[in-house]
Amino acid sequence: MTSKNYVVLIDCENIPAHLADNLFRKLSILGDTPVRRAYGDFTNPWHRPWLEKIDEYGMIASLHVATTSGKNSTDIALTIDAIELALTSGYDGFCLVSSDRDFSHLAKKLREYGLDVQGFGSAKTSASHRAAFTSFTTIDSTPANTESSAAPTAIATSAKSAPAHKPQATQNTRKLISKAIHDLGGANQKCITLSALGKSLKDADPSFSPKKHGSATLGNLIKQFDVFELVPKNGRPVHVRYIGNSKS
């Protein structure tokens, strides 16, 4: 039986580099991948780890330096390449590697062309985005609750007696916020509105909520880190900026 040929297009601004190994393990089962392209601003420290993986897996890097706020240049380049390849080549399908819902319409359009469109991304990817693909495969690891199947009665008893665990902000929370501010163009202490930051965090992770990180509001969550500063307007904190360690 002849193996199918797939085009692999990776949104490196949405998928972290440490997932590359698992991604290509799953791709090797799917079929051949003669076209492998990685898209992102690799001058950004958050995305730079992809450069090693690009060499390791023989990908072509498509560099798009963010000169304005947002990340639309990367998304547009990936979309244009996908449509061009779909219309001018004889590949059997596409592998779109991103949890970004902005690519849902692209996946649907490629399916209209009669192509097999495989999605790869986070376990937290929204159901609507998953539905746009022929099938969707998660490539990040979600810890299994092994204890619940081994001793459900003991755990239920323990849960009743133990106090509820309050979520807390961690260094991963700080990195998540820092990346969102950077993606919005908030370098060099430029102010970003809290509303824009909240939307960016939601776009990166639809399940994001300040309450999951131990705070009632995004503003309160920001206050937990010295590297951020809330900037008031008319007595209300409506902007945030990254100031590094200047407060310490």
Protein backbone atom coordinates (compact mmCIF):
# COMPACT_ATOMS: atom_id res chain seq x y z
CA MET A 1 0.00 0.00 0.00
CA THR A 2 1.37 3.41 -1.02
CA SER A 3 1.98 5.81 1.85
CA LYS A 4 0.20 9.17 1.71
CA ASN A 5 2.15 12.41 1.38
CA TYR A 6 1.33 15.25 3.76
CA VAL A 7 2.32 18.89 3.99
CA VAL A 8 3.28 19.87 7.55
CA LEU A 9 2.79 23.52 8.53
CA ILE A 10 3.67 24.46 12.12
CA ASP A 11 2.60 27.62 13.95
CA CYS A 12 5.68 27.99 16.17
CA GLU A 13 4.15 30.97 17.96
CA ASN A 14 1.38 28.73 19.28
CA ILE A 15 3.13 25.39 19.81
CA PRO A 16 6.22 25.16 22.08
CA ALA A 17 9.38 23.57 20.69
CA HIS A 18 9.55 20.82 23.32
CA LEU A 19 6.52 19.18 21.71
CA ALA A 20 8.32 18.69 18.39
CA ASP A 21 9.60 15.20 19.21
CA ASN A 22 6.14 13.90 20.08
CA LEU A 23 4.67 15.63 17.04
CA PHE A 24 7.04 13.94 14.60
CA ARG A 25 6.55 10.56 16.27
CA LYS A 26 2.84 10.87 15.50
CA LEU A 27 3.50 12.19 11.99
CA SER A 28 5.69 9.18 11.19
CA ILE A 29 2.67 6.93 11.81
CA LEU A 30 0.43 9.04 9.60
CA GLY A 31 2.52 8.92 6.42
CA ASP A 32 5.33 10.68 4.55
CA THR A 33 5.91 14.40 5.11
CA PRO A 34 8.05 15.73 2.24
CA VAL A 35 7.05 19.35 2.95
CA ARG A 36 7.84 20.59 6.45
CA ARG A 37 7.62 24.30 7.22
CA ALA A 38 7.85 26.16 10.52
CA TYR A 39 6.47 29.69 10.91
CA GLY A 40 7.32 32.24 13.58
CA ASP A 41 9.39 35.13 14.84
CA PHE A 42 12.53 33.21 15.79
CA THR A 43 14.22 36.39 17.00
CA ASN A 44 11.79 36.19 19.92
CA PRO A 45 13.41 34.34 22.87
CA TRP A 46 10.15 32.44 23.43
CA HIS A 47 10.26 30.93 19.94
CA ARG A 48 14.04 30.62 19.46
CA PRO A 49 14.18 27.00 20.80
CA TRP A 50 12.43 25.98 17.59
CA LEU A 51 15.59 26.67 15.58
CA GLU A 52 17.28 23.52 16.92
CA LYS A 53 14.19 21.42 16.15
CA ILE A 54 13.94 22.92 12.66
CA ASP A 55 17.44 21.64 11.88
CA GLU A 56 16.86 18.30 13.60
CA TYR A 57 13.72 17.48 11.60
CA GLY A 58 14.73 19.01 8.28
CA MET A 59 12.15 21.79 8.24
CA ILE A 60 12.22 25.05 6.31
CA ALA A 61 12.00 28.05 8.62
CA SER A 62 9.67 30.87 7.61
CA LEU A 63 10.80 33.87 9.65
CA HIS A 64 8.33 36.67 10.33
CA VAL A 65 9.67 39.35 12.66
CA ALA A 66 6.94 41.10 14.64
CA THR A 67 7.26 44.78 13.75
CA THR A 68 3.79 45.64 15.05
CA SER A 69 1.62 44.28 17.84
CA GLY A 70 -0.02 40.93 17.28
CA LYS A 71 1.07 37.93 15.24
CA ASN A 72 -0.99 38.22 12.05
CA SER A 73 2.01 38.18 9.67
CA THR A 74 2.87 34.63 10.71
CA ASP A 75 -0.73 33.45 10.42
CA ILE A 76 -1.18 35.05 7.00
CA ALA A 77 2.06 33.55 5.63
CA LEU A 78 1.08 30.07 6.77
CA THR A 79 -2.40 30.43 5.26
CA ILE A 80 -1.10 31.70 1.90
CA ASP A 81 1.40 28.83 1.65
CA ALA A 82 -1.29 26.28 2.52
CA ILE A 83 -3.70 27.51 -0.19
CA GLU A 84 -0.91 27.76 -2.78
CA LEU A 85 0.28 24.21 -2.09
CA ALA A 86 -3.28 22.90 -2.10
CA LEU A 87 -3.96 24.38 -5.55
CA THR A 88 -0.63 23.68 -7.24
CA SER A 89 0.58 20.34 -5.87
CA GLY A 90 -0.64 16.77 -5.65
CA TYR A 91 -0.24 16.12 -1.94
CA ASP A 92 -2.80 13.92 -0.21
CA GLY A 93 -3.33 16.10 2.81
CA PHE A 94 -2.19 18.75 5.26
CA CYS A 95 -1.07 18.65 8.87
CA LEU A 96 -1.79 21.97 10.55
CA VAL A 97 0.01 22.20 13.88
CA SER A 98 -1.68 24.86 15.99
CA SER A 99 -4.39 25.26 18.61
CA ASP A 100 -5.13 28.76 17.30
CA ARG A 101 -8.79 29.01 16.30
CA ASP A 102 -7.83 31.48 13.57
CA PHE A 103 -6.85 28.45 11.45
CA SER A 104 -10.27 26.78 11.71
CA HIS A 105 -11.48 28.38 8.49
CA LEU A 106 -8.29 27.35 6.67
CA ALA A 107 -8.81 23.73 7.73
CA LYS A 108 -12.40 23.81 6.48
CA LYS A 109 -11.34 25.33 3.15
CA LEU A 110 -8.68 22.65 2.61
CA ARG A 111 -11.26 19.97 3.33
CA GLU A 112 -13.52 21.53 0.66
CA TYR A 113 -10.70 20.84 -1.80
CA GLY A 114 -11.10 17.14 -0.96
CA LEU A 115 -7.93 16.94 1.13
CA ASP A 116 -7.30 15.02 4.33
CA VAL A 117 -6.66 17.74 6.94
CA GLN A 118 -5.09 16.56 10.17
CA GLY A 119 -4.91 18.89 13.18
CA PHE A 120 -2.30 18.72 15.93
CA GLY A 121 -2.22 20.79 19.11
CA SER A 122 -2.90 21.14 22.81
CA ALA A 123 -5.31 19.01 24.82
CA LYS A 124 -7.01 22.31 25.75
CA THR A 125 -7.89 23.06 22.12
CA SER A 126 -11.52 24.13 21.76
CA ALA A 127 -14.08 21.66 20.42
CA SER A 128 -15.03 24.02 17.58
CA HIS A 129 -11.42 24.15 16.35
CA ARG A 130 -11.07 20.35 16.54
CA ALA A 131 -14.24 19.92 14.49
CA ALA A 132 -12.71 21.82 11.58
CA PHE A 133 -10.30 18.96 10.86
CA THR A 134 -10.68 15.48 9.44
CA SER A 135 -9.25 14.42 12.80
CA PHE A 136 -7.36 16.16 15.60
CA THR A 137 -4.45 14.74 17.64
CA THR A 138 -3.15 16.17 20.91
CA ILE A 139 0.63 16.31 21.24
CA ASP A 140 1.05 17.60 24.77
CA SER A 141 0.89 15.28 27.76
CA THR A 142 -1.98 15.51 30.21
CA PRO A 143 -1.18 13.77 33.53
CA ALA A 144 -3.45 10.80 34.05
CA ASN A 145 -5.33 10.51 37.32
CA THR A 146 -3.94 7.07 38.12
CA GLU A 147 -4.95 7.12 41.76
CA SER A 148 -8.65 7.62 41.02
CA SER A 149 -8.95 4.21 39.36
CA ALA A 150 -6.79 2.44 41.92
CA ALA A 151 -8.49 3.58 45.11
CA PRO A 152 -11.61 5.69 44.50
CA THR A 153 -13.06 5.11 47.95
CA ALA A 154 -9.89 6.17 49.78
CA ILE A 155 -9.56 9.30 47.64
CA ALA A 156 -13.18 10.29 48.20
CA THR A 157 -12.74 9.98 51.93
CA SER A 158 -9.51 11.98 51.84
CA ALA A 159 -11.12 14.72 49.72
CA LYS A 160 -13.84 15.22 52.31
CA SER A 161 -11.40 15.59 55.18
CA ALA A 162 -8.72 17.64 53.44
CA PRO A 163 -9.15 21.40 52.99
CA ALA A 164 -9.73 22.63 49.46
CA HIS A 165 -6.52 23.47 47.61
CA LYS A 166 -6.38 27.09 46.57
CA PRO A 167 -4.79 27.68 43.16
CA GLN A 168 -1.67 29.82 43.20
CA ALA A 169 0.19 31.85 40.63
CA THR A 170 3.47 30.20 39.57
CA GLN A 171 6.46 31.05 37.42
CA ASN A 172 4.62 29.39 34.55
CA THR A 173 1.86 31.95 35.09
CA ARG A 174 4.42 34.75 34.89
CA LYS A 175 5.87 33.32 31.66
CA LEU A 176 2.39 33.02 30.17
CA ILE A 177 1.63 36.67 30.91
CA SER A 178 5.08 37.83 29.73
CA LYS A 179 4.62 36.04 26.41
CA ALA A 180 1.17 37.55 25.92
CA ILE A 181 2.53 41.07 26.59
CA HIS A 182 5.42 40.45 24.18
CA ASP A 183 3.04 39.19 21.46
CA LEU A 184 1.03 42.38 21.87
CA GLY A 185 4.12 44.46 21.25
CA GLY A 186 4.64 45.38 24.90
CA ALA A 187 8.43 45.46 24.78
CA ASN A 188 10.51 48.28 26.30
CA GLN A 189 7.92 48.99 29.02
CA LYS A 190 5.19 49.86 26.52
CA CYS A 191 1.73 49.91 28.14
CA ILE A 192 -0.85 47.29 27.14
CA THR A 193 -4.51 47.51 28.10
CA LEU A 194 -5.74 44.87 30.53
CA SER A 195 -8.58 44.03 28.17
CA ALA A 196 -6.17 43.33 25.29
CA LEU A 197 -3.97 41.25 27.57
CA GLY A 198 -6.98 39.26 28.78
CA LYS A 199 -8.04 38.53 25.19
CA SER A 200 -4.52 37.45 24.22
CA LEU A 201 -4.35 35.07 27.19
CA LYS A 202 -7.73 33.62 26.21
CA ASP A 203 -6.60 33.18 22.60
CA ALA A 204 -3.50 31.30 23.76
CA ASP A 205 -5.49 29.18 26.21
CA PRO A 206 -9.31 29.25 25.96
CA SER A 207 -9.57 27.86 29.49
CA PHE A 208 -7.49 30.65 31.02
CA SER A 209 -9.02 32.32 34.07
CA PRO A 210 -7.35 34.43 36.81
CA LYS A 211 -9.23 32.30 39.36
CA LYS A 212 -7.28 29.24 38.22
CA HIS A 213 -4.15 31.12 39.28
CA GLY A 214 -5.44 32.22 42.67
CA SER A 215 -6.80 35.70 41.82
CA ALA A 216 -10.30 37.08 41.43
CA THR A 217 -9.32 39.44 38.60
CA LEU A 218 -6.54 39.80 36.02
CA GLY A 219 -5.41 43.00 37.74
CA ASN A 220 -4.97 41.18 41.05
CA LEU A 221 -3.05 38.43 39.28
CA ILE A 222 -0.68 40.98 37.72
CA LYS A 223 0.05 42.43 41.18
CA GLN A 224 1.55 39.11 42.31
CA PHE A 225 4.63 39.60 40.12
CA ASP A 226 7.28 42.30 40.52
CA VAL A 227 8.10 42.22 36.80
CA PHE A 228 4.75 43.77 35.88
CA GLU A 229 3.29 47.16 36.77
CA LEU A 230 -0.33 48.29 36.67
CA VAL A 231 -0.77 51.78 35.25
CA PRO A 232 -3.91 53.59 36.47
CA LYS A 233 -6.19 55.89 34.52
CA ASN A 234 -8.76 57.99 36.35
CA GLY A 235 -7.89 56.07 39.50
CA ARG A 236 -8.47 52.64 37.94
CA PRO A 237 -5.78 50.16 36.80
CA VAL A 238 -6.49 49.77 33.09
CA HIS A 239 -2.99 49.27 31.65
CA VAL A 240 -0.11 46.92 32.39
CA ARG A 241 3.50 47.01 31.34
CA TYR A 242 6.49 44.72 31.68
CA ILE A 243 9.24 46.38 33.73
CA GLY A 244 11.56 43.43 34.39
CA ASN A 245 13.23 43.48 37.77
CA SER A 246 13.33 47.24 38.18
CA LYS A 247 11.22 47.02 41.34
CA SER A 248 13.57 44.70 43.16
